[in-house]
């Protein structure tokens, strides 16, 4: 049984710190590389549609979403990469140092429930695989709404449970039996991936996240299941 609990943020920070070095490799293995497709879908739906001049990547991890977008766009962009885990930000910086582009990048070690940016300053915000780990998702969405400019766009990508009974059963077997073994082999931290399994199974449905966004004041929401609902993208505008 995992000792990690999202209601104990320090334990989650330590967990991500322990797997930061192997994070990208583990994601590729455990998703059979499909995470790259999901990530690109998030970029297309959220960023390429808006071409932001200011952009916030929340729970940025090693920066895969934001840095892949910045590599592709020709428009100058001021990007803010936010994560509460210093080890993740360290690896994001290492990745960015290998790239050459005209964009400005700032790194923020901070809580996604208390974003250290002024009101109405961001054109876009993304969060990939992060909202599930936040104690109060509603509070984080409120903060995103606060920092977005009018007509600003947010995209949230999360691992979810399929609705089809057969796919749901196979997905559950993978989460419970295979995923922790992969975590143990690649990172030596099986408990981190037991936590991942439990967090996916216990998290609210995408439609519930959409309701939160609408209640806060977001508009034009769209819920897009990927690969039968193994992952889901939710987009909205302020």
C-alpha atoms as a PDB file:
ATOM      1  CA  UNK A   1       0.000   0.000   0.000  1.00  0.00           C
ATOM      2  CA  UNK A   2       1.328   3.432  -0.971  1.00  0.00           C
ATOM      3  CA  UNK A   3       2.268   5.841   1.818  1.00  0.00           C
ATOM      4  CA  UNK A   4       1.741   8.840  -0.486  1.00  0.00           C
ATOM      5  CA  UNK A   5      -1.336  11.013   0.000  1.00  0.00           C
ATOM      6  CA  UNK A   6      -2.261  14.158  -1.933  1.00  0.00           C
ATOM      7  CA  UNK A   7      -3.690  15.630   1.267  1.00  0.00           C
ATOM      8  CA  UNK A   8      -0.116  15.545   2.560  1.00  0.00           C
ATOM      9  CA  UNK A   9       1.539  17.700  -0.135  1.00  0.00           C
ATOM     10  CA  UNK A  10       5.019  17.215   1.290  1.00  0.00           C
ATOM     11  CA  UNK A  11       4.744  13.467   0.707  1.00  0.00           C
ATOM     12  CA  UNK A  12       3.717  14.059  -2.916  1.00  0.00           C
ATOM     13  CA  UNK A  13       6.580  16.513  -3.401  1.00  0.00           C
ATOM     14  CA  UNK A  14       9.019  13.918  -2.058  1.00  0.00           C
ATOM     15  CA  UNK A  15       7.499  11.254  -4.294  1.00  0.00           C
ATOM     16  CA  UNK A  16       7.963  13.307  -7.455  1.00  0.00           C
ATOM     17  CA  UNK A  17      11.443  14.279  -6.337  1.00  0.00           C
ATOM     18  CA  UNK A  18      12.366  10.607  -6.044  1.00  0.00           C
ATOM     19  CA  UNK A  19      11.273   9.806  -9.611  1.00  0.00           C
ATOM     20  CA  UNK A  20      12.192  13.067 -11.385  1.00  0.00           C
ATOM     21  CA  UNK A  21      15.356  11.723 -13.022  1.00  0.00           C
ATOM     22  CA  UNK A  22      13.521   8.764 -14.574  1.00  0.00           C
ATOM     23  CA  UNK A  23      10.191  10.557 -15.055  1.00  0.00           C
ATOM     24  CA  UNK A  24      10.254  10.968 -18.843  1.00  0.00           C
ATOM     25  CA  UNK A  25      11.541   7.466 -19.468  1.00  0.00           C
ATOM     26  CA  UNK A  26       8.950   5.938 -17.148  1.00  0.00           C
ATOM     27  CA  UNK A  27       6.114   7.871 -18.785  1.00  0.00           C
ATOM     28  CA  UNK A  28       7.188   6.596 -22.191  1.00  0.00           C
ATOM     29  CA  UNK A  29       7.338   2.987 -21.005  1.00  0.00           C
ATOM     30  CA  UNK A  30       4.140   2.899 -18.978  1.00  0.00           C
ATOM     31  CA  UNK A  31       2.064   4.642 -21.675  1.00  0.00           C
ATOM     32  CA  UNK A  32       3.665   2.702 -24.552  1.00  0.00           C
ATOM     33  CA  UNK A  33       4.657   6.126 -25.948  1.00  0.00           C
ATOM     34  CA  UNK A  34       1.007   7.170 -26.262  1.00  0.00           C
ATOM     35  CA  UNK A  35       1.617  10.040 -23.842  1.00  0.00           C
ATOM     36  CA  UNK A  36       3.389  11.865 -26.667  1.00  0.00           C
ATOM     37  CA  UNK A  37       0.193  11.716 -28.731  1.00  0.00           C
ATOM     38  CA  UNK A  38      -1.866  12.926 -25.756  1.00  0.00           C
ATOM     39  CA  UNK A  39       0.588  15.745 -25.051  1.00  0.00           C
ATOM     40  CA  UNK A  40       0.518  16.893 -28.667  1.00  0.00           C
ATOM     41  CA  UNK A  41      -3.273  16.887 -28.594  1.00  0.00           C
ATOM     42  CA  UNK A  42      -3.160  19.186 -25.559  1.00  0.00           C
ATOM     43  CA  UNK A  43      -0.778  21.520 -27.370  1.00  0.00           C
ATOM     44  CA  UNK A  44      -2.998  21.579 -30.459  1.00  0.00           C
ATOM     45  CA  UNK A  45      -6.246  22.155 -28.590  1.00  0.00           C
ATOM     46  CA  UNK A  46      -4.936  24.755 -26.155  1.00  0.00           C
ATOM     47  CA  UNK A  47      -1.851  26.520 -27.443  1.00  0.00           C
ATOM     48  CA  UNK A  48      -1.739  26.298 -31.217  1.00  0.00           C
ATOM     49  CA  UNK A  49      -5.340  27.493 -31.314  1.00  0.00           C
ATOM     50  CA  UNK A  50      -4.408  30.605 -29.309  1.00  0.00           C
ATOM     51  CA  UNK A  51      -0.727  31.340 -30.122  1.00  0.00           C
ATOM     52  CA  UNK A  52      -0.133  32.914 -26.693  1.00  0.00           C
ATOM     53  CA  UNK A  53       2.313  35.686 -25.966  1.00  0.00           C
ATOM     54  CA  UNK A  54       2.193  34.749 -22.284  1.00  0.00           C
ATOM     55  CA  UNK A  55       1.783  31.142 -21.199  1.00  0.00           C
ATOM     56  CA  UNK A  56       1.680  29.297 -17.865  1.00  0.00           C
ATOM     57  CA  UNK A  57       2.495  25.576 -17.658  1.00  0.00           C
ATOM     58  CA  UNK A  58       1.212  24.328 -14.285  1.00  0.00           C
ATOM     59  CA  UNK A  59       2.568  21.152 -12.689  1.00  0.00           C
ATOM     60  CA  UNK A  60       5.069  21.360 -15.526  1.00  0.00           C
ATOM     61  CA  UNK A  61       7.198  18.412 -14.439  1.00  0.00           C
ATOM     62  CA  UNK A  62      10.227  18.226 -16.717  1.00  0.00           C
ATOM     63  CA  UNK A  63       8.681  20.737 -19.106  1.00  0.00           C
ATOM     64  CA  UNK A  64       7.691  18.346 -21.870  1.00  0.00           C
ATOM     65  CA  UNK A  65       4.447  20.132 -22.774  1.00  0.00           C
ATOM     66  CA  UNK A  66       5.671  23.722 -22.696  1.00  0.00           C
ATOM     67  CA  UNK A  67       9.098  23.127 -24.216  1.00  0.00           C
ATOM     68  CA  UNK A  68       7.706  21.057 -27.081  1.00  0.00           C
ATOM     69  CA  UNK A  69       5.299  23.882 -27.856  1.00  0.00           C
ATOM     70  CA  UNK A  70       8.026  26.528 -27.654  1.00  0.00           C
ATOM     71  CA  UNK A  71      10.201  24.509 -30.045  1.00  0.00           C
ATOM     72  CA  UNK A  72       7.445  24.576 -32.657  1.00  0.00           C
ATOM     73  CA  UNK A  73       5.981  28.066 -32.428  1.00  0.00           C
ATOM     74  CA  UNK A  74       7.490  30.975 -34.323  1.00  0.00           C
ATOM     75  CA  UNK A  75       5.677  33.568 -32.225  1.00  0.00           C
ATOM     76  CA  UNK A  76       7.661  35.056 -29.357  1.00  0.00           C
ATOM     77  CA  UNK A  77       6.299  33.751 -26.079  1.00  0.00           C
ATOM     78  CA  UNK A  78       6.943  34.528 -22.430  1.00  0.00           C
ATOM     79  CA  UNK A  79       6.535  31.167 -20.679  1.00  0.00           C
ATOM     80  CA  UNK A  80       6.228  30.398 -16.977  1.00  0.00           C
ATOM     81  CA  UNK A  81       6.928  26.834 -15.870  1.00  0.00           C
ATOM     82  CA  UNK A  82       5.453  26.146 -12.441  1.00  0.00           C
ATOM     83  CA  UNK A  83       5.945  23.082 -10.257  1.00  0.00           C
ATOM     84  CA  UNK A  84       6.142  22.588  -6.502  1.00  0.00           C
ATOM     85  CA  UNK A  85       8.866  19.947  -6.847  1.00  0.00           C
ATOM     86  CA  UNK A  86      12.374  21.458  -7.194  1.00  0.00           C
ATOM     87  CA  UNK A  87      13.791  18.285  -8.744  1.00  0.00           C
ATOM     88  CA  UNK A  88      11.246  18.460 -11.561  1.00  0.00           C
ATOM     89  CA  UNK A  89      12.099  22.099 -12.255  1.00  0.00           C
ATOM     90  CA  UNK A  90      15.800  21.213 -12.258  1.00  0.00           C
ATOM     91  CA  UNK A  91      15.248  18.668 -15.028  1.00  0.00           C
ATOM     92  CA  UNK A  92      13.022  21.121 -16.919  1.00  0.00           C
ATOM     93  CA  UNK A  93      15.887  23.623 -16.868  1.00  0.00           C
ATOM     94  CA  UNK A  94      18.334  20.982 -18.126  1.00  0.00           C
ATOM     95  CA  UNK A  95      15.995  20.187 -20.989  1.00  0.00           C
ATOM     96  CA  UNK A  96      15.528  23.877 -21.864  1.00  0.00           C
ATOM     97  CA  UNK A  97      19.285  24.500 -21.904  1.00  0.00           C
ATOM     98  CA  UNK A  98      19.606  22.122 -24.859  1.00  0.00           C
ATOM     99  CA  UNK A  99      17.180  24.171 -26.946  1.00  0.00           C
ATOM    100  CA  UNK A 100      17.675  27.340 -28.946  1.00  0.00           C
ATOM    101  CA  UNK A 101      14.715  29.673 -29.379  1.00  0.00           C
ATOM    102  CA  UNK A 102      13.846  33.357 -28.796  1.00  0.00           C
ATOM    103  CA  UNK A 103      11.341  32.741 -26.022  1.00  0.00           C
ATOM    104  CA  UNK A 104      11.698  33.837 -22.394  1.00  0.00           C
ATOM    105  CA  UNK A 105      11.285  31.158 -19.722  1.00  0.00           C
ATOM    106  CA  UNK A 106      10.765  31.733 -16.001  1.00  0.00           C
ATOM    107  CA  UNK A 107      10.695  28.896 -13.467  1.00  0.00           C
ATOM    108  CA  UNK A 108       8.358  29.078 -10.494  1.00  0.00           C
ATOM    109  CA  UNK A 109       8.607  26.673  -7.573  1.00  0.00           C
ATOM    110  CA  UNK A 110       5.106  27.186  -6.245  1.00  0.00           C
ATOM    111  CA  UNK A 111       1.743  25.675  -5.375  1.00  0.00           C
ATOM    112  CA  UNK A 112      -0.806  25.523  -8.209  1.00  0.00           C
ATOM    113  CA  UNK A 113      -3.398  26.536  -5.602  1.00  0.00           C
ATOM    114  CA  UNK A 114      -1.582  29.851  -5.016  1.00  0.00           C
ATOM    115  CA  UNK A 115      -0.086  30.980  -8.316  1.00  0.00           C
ATOM    116  CA  UNK A 116       2.491  33.782  -7.803  1.00  0.00           C
ATOM    117  CA  UNK A 117       1.393  35.823 -10.828  1.00  0.00           C
ATOM    118  CA  UNK A 118      -0.703  38.966 -11.154  1.00  0.00           C
ATOM    119  CA  UNK A 119      -4.336  38.928 -12.242  1.00  0.00           C
ATOM    120  CA  UNK A 120      -5.171  38.743 -15.955  1.00  0.00           C
ATOM    121  CA  UNK A 121      -1.603  38.299 -17.209  1.00  0.00           C
ATOM    122  CA  UNK A 122      -1.662  34.948 -19.068  1.00  0.00           C
ATOM    123  CA  UNK A 123      -3.037  34.197 -22.527  1.00  0.00           C
ATOM    124  CA  UNK A 124      -2.987  30.438 -21.957  1.00  0.00           C
ATOM    125  CA  UNK A 125      -2.471  27.871 -19.230  1.00  0.00           C
ATOM    126  CA  UNK A 126      -1.961  24.120 -19.395  1.00  0.00           C
ATOM    127  CA  UNK A 127      -1.818  21.409 -16.776  1.00  0.00           C
ATOM    128  CA  UNK A 128      -0.893  17.840 -17.716  1.00  0.00           C
ATOM    129  CA  UNK A 129      -1.225  14.965 -15.246  1.00  0.00           C
ATOM    130  CA  UNK A 130      -1.350  17.406 -12.350  1.00  0.00           C
ATOM    131  CA  UNK A 131      -4.899  18.226 -11.271  1.00  0.00           C
ATOM    132  CA  UNK A 132      -5.332  14.707  -9.865  1.00  0.00           C
ATOM    133  CA  UNK A 133      -2.511  15.348  -7.378  1.00  0.00           C
ATOM    134  CA  UNK A 134      -3.798  18.687  -6.079  1.00  0.00           C
ATOM    135  CA  UNK A 135      -5.676  18.647  -2.742  1.00  0.00           C
ATOM    136  CA  UNK A 136      -8.246  21.211  -3.917  1.00  0.00           C
ATOM    137  CA  UNK A 137      -8.740  21.164  -7.716  1.00  0.00           C
ATOM    138  CA  UNK A 138     -11.456  23.817  -7.502  1.00  0.00           C
ATOM    139  CA  UNK A 139      -9.063  26.260  -5.818  1.00  0.00           C
ATOM    140  CA  UNK A 140      -6.458  25.632  -8.505  1.00  0.00           C
ATOM    141  CA  UNK A 141      -9.033  26.292 -11.238  1.00  0.00           C
ATOM    142  CA  UNK A 142      -9.996  29.532  -9.474  1.00  0.00           C
ATOM    143  CA  UNK A 143      -6.357  30.596  -9.527  1.00  0.00           C
ATOM    144  CA  UNK A 144      -6.053  29.762 -13.215  1.00  0.00           C
ATOM    145  CA  UNK A 145      -9.157  31.835 -13.912  1.00  0.00           C
ATOM    146  CA  UNK A 146      -7.653  34.720 -11.945  1.00  0.00           C
ATOM    147  CA  UNK A 147      -4.360  34.841 -13.866  1.00  0.00           C
ATOM    148  CA  UNK A 148      -5.864  34.345 -17.330  1.00  0.00           C
ATOM    149  CA  UNK A 149      -6.678  37.364 -19.446  1.00  0.00           C
ATOM    150  CA  UNK A 150     -10.234  37.774 -20.738  1.00  0.00           C
ATOM    151  CA  UNK A 151     -10.720  35.192 -23.538  1.00  0.00           C
ATOM    152  CA  UNK A 152      -7.685  33.346 -22.157  1.00  0.00           C
ATOM    153  CA  UNK A 153      -7.617  29.591 -22.708  1.00  0.00           C
ATOM    154  CA  UNK A 154      -6.880  26.666 -20.380  1.00  0.00           C
ATOM    155  CA  UNK A 155      -6.266  23.025 -21.228  1.00  0.00           C
ATOM    156  CA  UNK A 156      -6.122  20.190 -18.689  1.00  0.00           C
ATOM    157  CA  UNK A 157      -4.857  16.722 -19.621  1.00  0.00           C
ATOM    158  CA  UNK A 158      -5.415  13.938 -17.128  1.00  0.00           C
ATOM    159  CA  UNK A 159      -5.302  10.158 -16.884  1.00  0.00           C
ATOM    160  CA  UNK A 160      -8.842   8.896 -16.467  1.00  0.00           C
ATOM    161  CA  UNK A 161     -10.911   5.715 -16.416  1.00  0.00           C
ATOM    162  CA  UNK A 162     -12.603   4.412 -19.571  1.00  0.00           C
ATOM    163  CA  UNK A 163     -16.382   4.146 -19.513  1.00  0.00           C
ATOM    164  CA  UNK A 164     -16.691   1.025 -21.690  1.00  0.00           C
ATOM    165  CA  UNK A 165     -16.983  -2.020 -19.339  1.00  0.00           C
ATOM    166  CA  UNK A 166     -14.488  -4.244 -21.202  1.00  0.00           C
ATOM    167  CA  UNK A 167     -11.908  -1.496 -21.640  1.00  0.00           C
ATOM    168  CA  UNK A 168     -12.433  -0.410 -18.031  1.00  0.00           C
ATOM    169  CA  UNK A 169     -11.706  -3.931 -16.759  1.00  0.00           C
ATOM    170  CA  UNK A 170      -8.536  -4.265 -18.825  1.00  0.00           C
ATOM    171  CA  UNK A 171      -7.445  -0.807 -17.741  1.00  0.00           C
ATOM    172  CA  UNK A 172      -7.971  -1.730 -14.069  1.00  0.00           C
ATOM    173  CA  UNK A 173      -5.841  -4.872 -14.451  1.00  0.00           C
ATOM    174  CA  UNK A 174      -3.071  -2.814 -16.025  1.00  0.00           C
ATOM    175  CA  UNK A 175      -3.201  -0.183 -13.276  1.00  0.00           C
ATOM    176  CA  UNK A 176      -3.287  -2.638 -10.385  1.00  0.00           C
ATOM    177  CA  UNK A 177      -0.891  -5.353 -11.558  1.00  0.00           C
ATOM    178  CA  UNK A 178       1.392  -4.084 -14.289  1.00  0.00           C
ATOM    179  CA  UNK A 179       1.949  -0.386 -13.634  1.00  0.00           C
ATOM    180  CA  UNK A 180       3.484  -0.803 -10.131  1.00  0.00           C
ATOM    181  CA  UNK A 181       5.880  -3.430 -11.515  1.00  0.00           C
ATOM    182  CA  UNK A 182       7.024  -1.041 -14.229  1.00  0.00           C
ATOM    183  CA  UNK A 183       7.538   1.637 -11.596  1.00  0.00           C
ATOM    184  CA  UNK A 184       9.611  -0.707  -9.461  1.00  0.00           C
ATOM    185  CA  UNK A 185      11.815  -1.797 -12.370  1.00  0.00           C
ATOM    186  CA  UNK A 186      12.442   1.671 -13.781  1.00  0.00           C
ATOM    187  CA  UNK A 187      12.524   3.880 -10.677  1.00  0.00           C
ATOM    188  CA  UNK A 188      12.887   1.502  -7.699  1.00  0.00           C
ATOM    189  CA  UNK A 189       9.858   3.257  -6.223  1.00  0.00           C
ATOM    190  CA  UNK A 190       6.915   0.912  -6.594  1.00  0.00           C
ATOM    191  CA  UNK A 191       4.866   2.896  -4.073  1.00  0.00           C
ATOM    192  CA  UNK A 192       4.878   5.949  -6.345  1.00  0.00           C
ATOM    193  CA  UNK A 193       3.116   3.969  -9.037  1.00  0.00           C
ATOM    194  CA  UNK A 194       0.759   2.334  -6.576  1.00  0.00           C
ATOM    195  CA  UNK A 195      -0.196   5.897  -5.674  1.00  0.00           C
ATOM    196  CA  UNK A 196      -0.653   6.681  -9.372  1.00  0.00           C
ATOM    197  CA  UNK A 197      -2.991   3.704  -9.740  1.00  0.00           C
ATOM    198  CA  UNK A 198      -5.051   4.659  -6.694  1.00  0.00           C
ATOM    199  CA  UNK A 199      -5.214   8.330  -7.652  1.00  0.00           C
ATOM    200  CA  UNK A 200      -6.608   7.533 -11.092  1.00  0.00           C
ATOM    201  CA  UNK A 201      -9.242   5.168  -9.700  1.00  0.00           C
ATOM    202  CA  UNK A 202     -10.367   7.531  -6.937  1.00  0.00           C
ATOM    203  CA  UNK A 203     -10.338  10.827  -8.855  1.00  0.00           C
ATOM    204  CA  UNK A 204     -13.477  12.616 -10.005  1.00  0.00           C
ATOM    205  CA  UNK A 205     -14.835  12.139 -13.519  1.00  0.00           C
ATOM    206  CA  UNK A 206     -13.870  14.580 -16.292  1.00  0.00           C
ATOM    207  CA  UNK A 207     -17.461  15.825 -16.364  1.00  0.00           C
ATOM    208  CA  UNK A 208     -17.106  16.834 -12.712  1.00  0.00           C
ATOM    209  CA  UNK A 209     -14.006  18.864 -13.559  1.00  0.00           C
ATOM    210  CA  UNK A 210     -15.944  20.522 -16.364  1.00  0.00           C
ATOM    211  CA  UNK A 211     -18.690  21.447 -13.885  1.00  0.00           C
ATOM    212  CA  UNK A 212     -16.085  23.064 -11.624  1.00  0.00           C
ATOM    213  CA  UNK A 213     -14.784  25.154 -14.512  1.00  0.00           C
ATOM    214  CA  UNK A 214     -18.278  26.287 -15.459  1.00  0.00           C
ATOM    215  CA  UNK A 215     -19.144  27.149 -11.863  1.00  0.00           C
ATOM    216  CA  UNK A 216     -16.057  29.356 -11.612  1.00  0.00           C
ATOM    217  CA  UNK A 217     -17.062  31.228 -14.757  1.00  0.00           C
ATOM    218  CA  UNK A 218     -15.239  29.525 -17.609  1.00  0.00           C
ATOM    219  CA  UNK A 219     -17.092  29.171 -20.896  1.00  0.00           C
ATOM    220  CA  UNK A 220     -16.871  27.145 -24.117  1.00  0.00           C
ATOM    221  CA  UNK A 221     -15.784  24.024 -22.248  1.00  0.00           C
ATOM    222  CA  UNK A 222     -14.997  20.870 -24.175  1.00  0.00           C
ATOM    223  CA  UNK A 223     -14.301  17.366 -22.838  1.00  0.00           C
ATOM    224  CA  UNK A 224     -12.274  15.196 -25.248  1.00  0.00           C
ATOM    225  CA  UNK A 225     -11.700  11.534 -24.278  1.00  0.00           C
ATOM    226  CA  UNK A 226      -8.566   9.998 -25.794  1.00  0.00           C
ATOM    227  CA  UNK A 227      -8.225   6.316 -26.652  1.00  0.00           C
ATOM    228  CA  UNK A 228     -11.534   5.353 -25.142  1.00  0.00           C
ATOM    229  CA  UNK A 229     -11.101   7.551 -22.082  1.00  0.00           C
ATOM    230  CA  UNK A 230      -7.715   6.321 -20.835  1.00  0.00           C
ATOM    231  CA  UNK A 231      -6.803  10.005 -20.910  1.00  0.00           C
ATOM    232  CA  UNK A 232      -9.000  13.083 -21.256  1.00  0.00           C
ATOM    233  CA  UNK A 233      -8.431  16.694 -22.288  1.00  0.00           C
ATOM    234  CA  UNK A 234     -10.686  19.444 -20.956  1.00  0.00           C
ATOM    235  CA  UNK A 235     -10.441  22.905 -22.498  1.00  0.00           C
ATOM    236  CA  UNK A 236     -12.191  26.124 -21.526  1.00  0.00           C
ATOM    237  CA  UNK A 237     -12.038  29.883 -22.010  1.00  0.00           C
ATOM    238  CA  UNK A 238     -12.320  32.764 -19.565  1.00  0.00           C
END
